[in-house]
Protein backbone atom coordinates (compact mmCIF):
# COMPACT_ATOMS: atom_id res chain seq x y z
CA UNK A 1 15.41 43.32 6.56
CA UNK A 2 17.18 40.86 8.86
CA UNK A 3 14.17 40.90 11.17
CA UNK A 4 12.05 39.77 8.22
CA UNK A 5 14.58 37.04 7.40
CA UNK A 6 14.56 35.82 11.01
CA UNK A 7 10.76 35.76 11.07
CA UNK A 8 10.82 33.85 7.79
CA UNK A 9 13.36 31.27 8.99
CA UNK A 10 11.90 30.89 12.50
CA UNK A 11 14.81 28.69 13.62
CA UNK A 12 15.24 27.87 17.31
CA UNK A 13 18.33 29.38 19.01
CA UNK A 14 19.47 30.88 15.71
CA UNK A 15 19.60 34.38 14.24
CA UNK A 16 20.49 35.67 10.78
CA UNK A 17 23.43 38.09 10.55
CA UNK A 18 23.57 38.77 6.80
CA UNK A 19 22.65 37.42 3.39
CA UNK A 20 23.68 37.54 -0.25
CA UNK A 21 22.07 36.51 -3.54
CA UNK A 22 24.00 34.83 -6.34
CA UNK A 23 21.89 34.08 -9.40
CA UNK A 24 19.29 31.50 -8.39
CA UNK A 25 20.76 30.99 -4.91
CA UNK A 26 20.28 32.79 -1.60
CA UNK A 27 22.96 32.43 1.10
CA UNK A 28 21.85 33.41 4.59
CA UNK A 29 24.56 33.64 7.25
CA UNK A 30 23.32 32.61 10.66
CA UNK A 31 24.77 32.08 14.12
CA UNK A 32 23.70 30.36 17.32
CA UNK A 33 22.20 32.41 20.14
CA UNK A 34 22.92 29.85 22.87
CA UNK A 35 26.22 28.89 24.47
CA UNK A 36 25.05 25.49 25.71
CA UNK A 37 27.27 22.74 24.29
CA UNK A 38 26.94 19.33 26.02
CA UNK A 39 30.04 17.16 25.80
CA UNK A 40 29.64 14.36 23.23
CA UNK A 41 31.22 11.90 25.70
CA UNK A 42 30.01 12.69 29.22
CA UNK A 43 27.09 15.01 28.44
CA UNK A 44 28.26 17.74 30.82
CA UNK A 45 28.42 21.40 29.84
CA UNK A 46 31.62 22.46 28.08
CA UNK A 47 33.49 25.75 27.91
CA UNK A 48 33.48 27.76 24.68
CA UNK A 49 36.52 27.02 22.55
CA UNK A 50 36.07 29.08 19.40
CA UNK A 51 34.05 28.30 16.27
CA UNK A 52 34.18 25.14 14.18
CA UNK A 53 34.61 25.05 10.43
CA UNK A 54 31.96 26.86 8.39
CA UNK A 55 29.26 24.63 6.92
CA UNK A 56 26.65 25.29 4.23
CA UNK A 57 23.25 23.66 4.79
CA UNK A 58 20.47 23.53 2.17
CA UNK A 59 17.15 24.95 3.38
CA UNK A 60 13.64 25.41 2.01
CA UNK A 61 13.40 27.39 -1.25
CA UNK A 62 12.50 31.07 -0.97
CA UNK A 63 10.64 32.80 -3.80
CA UNK A 64 11.69 30.04 -6.18
CA UNK A 65 15.39 30.38 -5.32
CA UNK A 66 17.56 27.75 -3.68
CA UNK A 67 18.34 28.72 -0.11
CA UNK A 68 21.47 27.83 1.88
CA UNK A 69 22.15 28.57 5.54
CA UNK A 70 25.80 29.24 6.31
CA UNK A 71 26.91 28.73 9.91
CA UNK A 72 30.07 28.33 11.93
CA UNK A 73 28.96 26.04 14.79
CA UNK A 74 30.26 26.97 18.21
CA UNK A 75 32.74 24.55 19.73
CA UNK A 76 33.16 23.60 23.36
CA UNK A 77 35.98 21.99 25.32
CA UNK A 78 35.23 19.56 28.15
CA UNK A 79 37.22 19.93 31.36
CA UNK A 80 35.78 16.77 32.92
CA UNK A 81 36.88 14.15 30.36
CA UNK A 82 40.42 12.89 29.82
CA UNK A 83 42.28 14.64 26.98
CA UNK A 84 39.68 17.46 27.13
CA UNK A 85 37.81 16.55 23.90
CA UNK A 86 36.10 19.25 21.87
CA UNK A 87 32.44 19.11 20.79
CA UNK A 88 30.69 21.00 18.01
CA UNK A 89 27.37 22.54 18.99
CA UNK A 90 24.36 20.69 17.59
CA UNK A 91 21.20 22.66 16.88
CA UNK A 92 17.73 21.19 16.49
CA UNK A 93 17.06 22.28 12.92
CA UNK A 94 19.67 20.07 11.23
CA UNK A 95 21.38 16.75 11.81
CA UNK A 96 25.01 16.67 12.85
CA UNK A 97 27.16 16.58 9.69
CA UNK A 98 23.95 16.85 7.66
CA UNK A 99 23.89 18.84 4.44
CA UNK A 100 20.18 19.69 4.60
CA UNK A 101 17.92 21.16 7.25
CA UNK A 102 15.23 18.88 8.67
CA UNK A 103 12.55 21.09 7.12
CA UNK A 104 14.14 20.79 3.70
CA UNK A 105 14.33 17.01 4.02
CA UNK A 106 10.62 17.01 4.90
CA UNK A 107 10.03 19.14 1.81
CA UNK A 108 11.84 16.56 -0.32
CA UNK A 109 9.77 13.73 1.16
CA UNK A 110 6.62 15.75 0.51
CA UNK A 111 7.66 16.23 -3.11
CA UNK A 112 8.39 12.52 -3.44
CA UNK A 113 4.78 11.49 -2.71
CA UNK A 114 3.25 10.14 -5.95
CA UNK A 115 6.47 11.04 -7.75
CA UNK A 116 9.92 9.51 -8.32
CA UNK A 117 13.36 10.14 -6.91
CA UNK A 118 14.59 10.99 -10.41
CA UNK A 119 11.90 13.65 -10.89
CA UNK A 120 12.52 15.26 -7.50
CA UNK A 121 16.27 15.11 -8.09
CA UNK A 122 15.89 17.07 -11.35
CA UNK A 123 13.42 19.61 -9.97
CA UNK A 124 15.42 20.32 -6.80
CA UNK A 125 18.86 19.99 -8.42
CA UNK A 126 20.01 17.54 -5.79
CA UNK A 127 21.69 14.18 -6.25
CA UNK A 128 19.65 10.98 -6.65
CA UNK A 129 21.71 9.18 -3.98
CA UNK A 130 21.22 12.09 -1.56
CA UNK A 131 17.41 11.82 -1.82
CA UNK A 132 17.55 8.03 -1.65
CA UNK A 133 19.64 8.34 1.51
CA UNK A 134 17.10 10.74 3.06
CA UNK A 135 14.26 8.30 2.34
CA UNK A 136 16.23 5.42 3.85
CA UNK A 137 17.12 7.46 6.93
CA UNK A 138 13.78 9.19 7.57
CA UNK A 139 11.27 6.53 6.50
CA UNK A 140 11.37 3.20 8.33
CA UNK A 141 11.12 -0.06 6.38
CA UNK A 142 8.92 -1.55 9.11
CA UNK A 143 5.54 -0.63 10.51
CA UNK A 144 5.38 1.59 13.59
CA UNK A 145 2.55 0.14 15.69
CA UNK A 146 2.43 3.28 17.84
CA UNK A 147 0.80 5.10 14.91
CA UNK A 148 -2.33 2.95 15.18
CA UNK A 149 -5.21 3.06 17.61
CA UNK A 150 -7.11 0.31 15.80
CA UNK A 151 -6.62 -1.85 12.73
CA UNK A 152 -10.14 -2.61 11.53
CA UNK A 153 -9.96 -4.94 8.52
CA UNK A 154 -6.74 -6.67 7.56
CA UNK A 155 -6.08 -7.45 3.90
CA UNK A 156 -3.61 -10.08 2.74
CA UNK A 157 -2.74 -10.52 -0.93
CA UNK A 158 0.22 -11.24 -3.20
CA UNK A 159 1.62 -9.39 -6.18
CA UNK A 160 4.42 -10.22 -8.61
CA UNK A 161 7.36 -7.82 -8.63
CA UNK A 162 8.53 -9.24 -11.95
CA UNK A 163 6.17 -10.80 -14.43
CA UNK A 164 7.12 -14.30 -15.49
CA UNK A 165 9.78 -14.69 -12.79
CA UNK A 166 7.58 -16.15 -10.03
CA UNK A 167 8.89 -13.34 -7.84
CA UNK A 168 5.97 -12.73 -5.46
CA UNK A 169 5.66 -10.56 -2.38
CA UNK A 170 2.87 -10.58 0.19
CA UNK A 171 1.19 -7.24 0.91
CA UNK A 172 -0.52 -6.82 4.30
CA UNK A 173 -2.71 -3.76 4.82
CA UNK A 174 -5.30 -2.43 7.23
CA UNK A 175 -8.50 -0.51 6.51
CA UNK A 176 -10.00 1.87 9.07
CA UNK A 177 -12.37 4.79 8.50
CA UNK A 178 -12.08 4.40 4.71
CA UNK A 179 -8.31 4.77 4.87
CA UNK A 180 -5.79 2.09 3.89
CA UNK A 181 -2.46 1.73 5.70
CA UNK A 182 0.48 -0.44 4.66
CA UNK A 183 1.58 -2.84 7.39
CA UNK A 184 4.10 -5.11 5.70
CA UNK A 185 5.71 -6.19 2.45
CA UNK A 186 6.98 -9.76 2.87
CA UNK A 187 9.15 -11.74 0.49
CA UNK A 188 7.29 -14.73 -0.97
CA UNK A 189 3.91 -15.98 0.13
CA UNK A 190 4.74 -18.70 2.63
CA UNK A 191 2.55 -19.37 5.64
CA UNK A 192 5.46 -19.20 8.09
CA UNK A 193 6.42 -15.66 7.00
CA UNK A 194 2.85 -14.33 7.17
CA UNK A 195 2.28 -16.01 10.54
CA UNK A 196 5.52 -14.60 11.93
CA UNK A 197 4.45 -11.06 11.03
CA UNK A 198 0.89 -11.41 12.33
CA UNK A 199 2.27 -12.50 15.70
CA UNK A 200 4.15 -9.18 15.99
CA UNK A 201 0.84 -7.26 16.16
CA UNK A 202 0.44 -5.91 19.74
CA UNK A 203 -2.32 -7.53 21.79
CA UNK A 204 -4.27 -4.26 22.12
CA UNK A 205 -4.38 -3.87 18.35
CA UNK A 206 -5.31 -7.52 17.79
CA UNK A 207 -8.47 -6.87 19.76
CA UNK A 208 -9.47 -4.15 17.25
CA UNK A 209 -9.30 -6.40 14.16
CA UNK A 210 -12.75 -6.93 12.58
CA UNK A 211 -11.65 -9.59 10.12
CA UNK A 212 -8.98 -10.78 7.72
CA UNK A 213 -9.86 -10.47 4.01
CA UNK A 214 -7.92 -12.59 1.53
CA UNK A 215 -8.33 -14.92 -1.39
CA UNK A 216 -8.58 -18.67 -0.80
CA UNK A 217 -4.83 -19.18 -0.49
CA UNK A 218 -4.20 -21.93 2.06
CA UNK A 219 -1.05 -20.20 3.32
CA UNK A 220 -2.86 -16.97 4.18
CA UNK A 221 -5.90 -18.64 5.70
CA UNK A 222 -3.72 -21.05 7.69
CA UNK A 223 -1.51 -18.24 9.02
CA UNK A 224 -4.53 -16.18 10.13
CA UNK A 225 -6.13 -19.18 11.84
CA UNK A 226 -2.89 -20.02 13.67
CA UNK A 227 -2.58 -16.50 15.06
CA UNK A 228 -6.18 -15.41 15.64
CA UNK A 229 -8.01 -18.72 16.03
CA UNK A 230 -11.78 -18.26 16.07
CA UNK A 231 -11.64 -14.75 17.57
CA UNK A 232 -11.21 -13.03 14.20
CA UNK A 233 -13.28 -14.08 11.16
CA UNK A 234 -11.36 -14.94 8.01
CA UNK A 235 -13.29 -13.69 4.99
CA UNK A 236 -12.85 -15.10 1.49
CA UNK A 237 -13.22 -12.23 -0.93
CA UNK A 238 -16.48 -12.52 -2.90
CA UNK A 239 -14.86 -11.33 -6.12
CA UNK A 240 -12.29 -14.12 -5.99
CA UNK A 241 -15.15 -16.58 -5.48
CA UNK A 242 -17.07 -15.05 -8.40
CA UNK A 243 -13.96 -15.28 -10.55
CA UNK A 244 -13.79 -19.03 -9.91
CA UNK A 245 -17.39 -19.92 -10.75
CA UNK A 246 -17.39 -17.64 -13.79
CA UNK A 247 -14.20 -19.34 -14.92
CA UNK A 248 -16.13 -22.62 -14.89
CA UNK A 249 -18.77 -21.03 -17.11
CA UNK A 250 -16.09 -19.72 -19.47
CA UNK A 251 -14.59 -23.20 -19.85
CA UNK A 252 -18.00 -24.64 -20.73
CA UNK A 253 -18.72 -21.76 -23.11
CA UNK A 254 -15.48 -22.33 -25.03
CA UNK A 255 -16.18 -26.06 -25.25
CA UNK A 256 -19.74 -25.52 -26.49
CA UNK A 257 -18.71 -22.91 -29.06
CA UNK A 258 -16.20 -25.34 -30.54
CA UNK A 259 -18.98 -27.89 -30.86
CA UNK A 260 -21.45 -25.40 -32.37
CA UNK A 261 -18.90 -24.17 -34.88
CA UNK A 262 -18.67 -27.71 -36.18
CA UNK A 263 -22.40 -28.56 -36.14
CA UNK A 264 -24.01 -25.29 -37.28
CA UNK A 265 -23.85 -23.66 -40.68
CA UNK A 266 -21.73 -20.50 -41.00
CA UNK A 267 -24.91 -18.41 -41.25
CA UNK A 268 -26.43 -19.96 -38.12
CA UNK A 269 -23.21 -19.50 -36.14
CA UNK A 270 -22.82 -15.90 -37.33
CA UNK A 271 -26.35 -15.12 -36.11
CA UNK A 272 -25.20 -16.06 -32.58
CA UNK A 273 -22.52 -13.32 -32.51
CA UNK A 274 -24.51 -10.87 -30.29
CA UNK A 275 -25.24 -13.63 -27.75
CA UNK A 276 -21.63 -14.82 -27.78
CA UNK A 277 -20.39 -11.25 -27.26
CA UNK A 278 -22.75 -10.90 -24.30
CA UNK A 279 -21.41 -14.14 -22.77
CA UNK A 280 -17.82 -12.98 -23.22
CA UNK A 281 -18.55 -9.87 -21.10
CA UNK A 282 -19.00 -12.22 -18.13
CA UNK A 283 -21.87 -10.35 -16.45
CA UNK A 284 -23.29 -12.03 -13.39
CA UNK A 285 -26.88 -11.30 -14.37
CA UNK A 286 -29.00 -10.62 -17.48
CA UNK A 287 -31.92 -8.29 -18.12
CA UNK A 288 -35.08 -9.40 -19.91
CA UNK A 289 -33.84 -7.95 -23.20
CA UNK A 290 -30.46 -9.61 -22.80
CA UNK A 291 -32.07 -12.99 -22.09
CA UNK A 292 -33.98 -12.71 -25.38
CA UNK A 293 -30.66 -12.33 -27.18
CA UNK A 294 -29.07 -15.18 -25.19
CA UNK A 295 -32.01 -17.48 -25.86
CA UNK A 296 -30.78 -17.98 -29.45
CA UNK A 297 -27.53 -19.38 -28.15
CA UNK A 298 -29.19 -21.40 -25.40
CA UNK A 299 -31.49 -23.01 -27.99
CA UNK A 300 -28.49 -24.77 -29.50
CA UNK A 301 -26.68 -25.28 -26.18
CA UNK A 302 -29.00 -26.25 -23.26
CA UNK A 303 -26.05 -27.07 -20.92
CA UNK A 304 -24.77 -23.51 -21.38
CA UNK A 305 -28.19 -22.16 -20.38
CA UNK A 306 -28.23 -24.27 -17.22
CA UNK A 307 -24.69 -23.21 -16.28
CA UNK A 308 -25.46 -19.53 -16.95
CA UNK A 309 -28.58 -19.66 -14.78
CA UNK A 310 -26.63 -21.34 -11.99
CA UNK A 311 -24.01 -18.58 -12.09
CA UNK A 312 -26.73 -15.91 -12.00
CA UNK A 313 -28.33 -17.68 -9.04
CA UNK A 314 -25.07 -17.69 -7.06
CA UNK A 315 -24.50 -14.02 -7.91
CA UNK A 316 -28.03 -13.28 -6.65
CA UNK A 317 -27.20 -15.04 -3.36
CA UNK A 318 -24.16 -12.80 -2.94
CA UNK A 319 -26.18 -9.68 -3.78
CA UNK A 320 -28.92 -10.56 -1.28
CA UNK A 321 -28.70 -8.96 2.15
CA UNK A 322 -28.97 -12.17 4.14
CA UNK A 323 -27.31 -13.58 7.22
CA UNK A 324 -24.78 -16.38 7.46
CA UNK A 325 -27.35 -19.10 8.28
CA UNK A 326 -29.55 -18.30 5.29
CA UNK A 327 -26.50 -17.93 3.05
CA UNK A 328 -25.17 -21.31 4.09
CA UNK A 329 -28.51 -22.96 3.40
CA UNK A 330 -28.85 -21.33 -0.02
CA UNK A 331 -25.28 -22.15 -1.05
CA UNK A 332 -25.78 -25.80 -0.06
CA UNK A 333 -29.01 -25.81 -2.11
CA UNK A 334 -27.03 -24.37 -5.02
CA UNK A 335 -24.49 -27.19 -4.76
CA UNK A 336 -27.33 -29.73 -4.82
CA UNK A 337 -28.80 -28.04 -7.91
CA UNK A 338 -25.44 -28.26 -9.69
CA UNK A 339 -25.09 -31.92 -8.85
CA UNK A 340 -28.67 -32.62 -10.03
CA UNK A 341 -28.00 -30.82 -13.33
CA UNK A 342 -25.34 -33.31 -14.32
CA UNK A 343 -22.87 -30.54 -15.27
CA UNK A 344 -19.20 -31.28 -14.63
CA UNK A 345 -17.77 -27.82 -15.30
CA UNK A 346 -18.37 -26.73 -11.67
CA UNK A 347 -16.71 -29.80 -10.18
CA UNK A 348 -13.45 -28.07 -9.20
CA UNK A 349 -15.26 -24.99 -7.94
CA UNK A 350 -17.56 -27.05 -5.71
CA UNK A 351 -14.50 -28.68 -4.10
CA UNK A 352 -13.15 -25.21 -3.31
CA UNK A 353 -16.57 -24.05 -2.12
CA UNK A 354 -16.83 -27.01 0.24
CA UNK A 355 -13.27 -26.72 1.52
CA UNK A 356 -13.49 -22.98 2.30
CA UNK A 357 -17.17 -22.75 3.15
CA UNK A 358 -16.50 -21.16 6.56
CA UNK A 359 -14.45 -18.33 5.02
CA UNK A 360 -16.92 -17.87 2.16
CA UNK A 361 -19.95 -17.74 4.48
CA UNK A 362 -18.14 -15.22 6.73
CA UNK A 363 -18.65 -12.60 4.01
CA UNK A 364 -22.37 -12.47 4.78
CA UNK A 365 -21.79 -11.31 8.37
CA UNK A 366 -20.29 -7.91 7.62
CA UNK A 367 -20.16 -8.02 3.80
CA UNK A 368 -16.49 -7.08 3.83
CA UNK A 369 -14.37 -7.53 0.70
CA UNK A 370 -10.74 -7.21 -0.33
CA UNK A 371 -11.55 -4.29 -2.60
CA UNK A 372 -9.15 -2.01 -0.73
CA UNK A 373 -6.38 -4.59 -1.20
CA UNK A 374 -7.01 -4.82 -4.95
CA UNK A 375 -6.98 -1.03 -5.11
CA UNK A 376 -3.60 -1.04 -3.39
CA UNK A 377 -2.33 -3.62 -5.89
CA UNK A 378 -3.18 -1.18 -8.68
CA UNK A 379 -1.24 1.54 -6.86
CA UNK A 380 1.76 -0.81 -6.57
CA UNK A 381 1.62 -1.46 -10.32
CA UNK A 382 1.59 2.29 -10.94
CA UNK A 383 4.56 2.78 -8.60
CA UNK A 384 6.49 0.01 -10.37
CA UNK A 385 5.85 1.56 -13.78
CA UNK A 386 6.65 5.05 -12.53
CA UNK A 387 9.92 3.92 -10.97
CA UNK A 388 10.79 1.48 -13.78
CA UNK A 389 10.54 -1.43 -11.39
CA UNK A 390 11.09 -1.89 -7.66
CA UNK A 391 12.60 -5.22 -6.66
CA UNK A 392 13.50 -4.63 -3.01
CA UNK A 393 10.76 -5.18 -0.39
CA UNK A 394 12.14 -2.49 1.93
CA UNK A 395 12.15 0.09 -0.84
CA UNK A 396 8.62 -0.92 -1.88
CA UNK A 397 7.39 -0.57 1.72
CA UNK A 398 8.87 2.93 2.02
CA UNK A 399 7.37 4.07 -1.29
CA UNK A 400 3.95 2.65 -0.39
CA UNK A 401 4.11 4.28 3.02
CA UNK A 402 4.92 7.66 1.45
CA UNK A 403 2.13 7.41 -1.12
CA UNK A 404 -0.49 6.17 1.36
CA UNK A 405 0.41 8.02 4.56
CA UNK A 406 3.08 10.50 3.53
CA UNK A 407 0.96 13.64 3.58
CA UNK A 408 -0.12 13.10 7.20
CA UNK A 409 3.21 11.72 8.42
CA UNK A 410 5.49 14.33 6.82
CA UNK A 411 3.10 17.10 7.87
CA UNK A 412 3.51 16.00 11.48
CA UNK A 413 7.29 16.09 11.12
CA UNK A 414 7.36 19.48 9.43
CA UNK A 415 7.71 22.68 11.39
CA UNK A 416 7.64 24.91 8.35
CA UNK A 417 6.24 24.74 4.81
CA UNK A 418 8.04 26.04 1.70
CA UNK A 419 8.10 29.81 1.49
């Protein structure tokens, strides 16, 4: 039976001597099979000096039962150091003075992926602070560049940790081979902080960056330009651009509906309900059948028809598989069409379009978007709800790292899976 237990444990330089079962707990008594004890001061080999105090170390569960390894570490006495200090033997499968084996800590981290510390604490019957301490000790709060061979696309975006408190953090991610990796969680959204982080990227990895995707935030664009110059394209996300020109259409729609409500009879205005509902959906295009419905509204509001057609035209430009030169020409033609129409609702958008034209046109080179960043923002919102709020950037980084890369990272650390 002990041979089976030893095969099951598979611990280096360790053998099981006996075991006992108490209710839902299994206690396995083990001892070291090596006499090597380096001195904690000089590192030289010591002479055996009896056993140290017995310690109980939590291990991976076995057949649904909690498992504890009980060991009396060997102790050595150094004859080379003054005062002949004693040293307790340290084995590879647990940390000195640790209360859990390394494999069990990996098991806890594994369980924590897409879960909460409170849930794991209840399931494993282990203290909340103990698990929190393991996360803080085993998971770094900063990116380890050695994990990466290339970065691919960088995504930069902000998210509010607390709604209504103007408490923003900047999330920096990378996207390679359809996999997102968290690189940094920075307090605030200042250019100097983003630039400082981007400069920490090793030169070899900088050469693997395809582009930087972000919204049209001056701080993010300015930081990327300061660090990468013209070597790396900065891409304004198409969906942020679409949001801006559709916002212009929404403002005109609201203004026109107020006017129509005053000038039309209740029956006439009620007949426009299907067209109004279609406009509220904010689609970037309209089918032939949909245009027939919209025509009733456009009959009473010609400016709204012109604005809607202009939005559809810009959406069509984005959906067309064209190069940067053609895109630039068509967008400039679109601006001229807006100016010729006499509409003022696109005035603010055109200023933005002109100011960030280089970043907007860059989309048409590789057609990259910040979709992976927005997807990560949704994951952050889920994490915040699941954990009833996370307000520390280091904690948020660790939780994101676990949820995004935990399965691969913890698997590499593990030497044994739960029995």
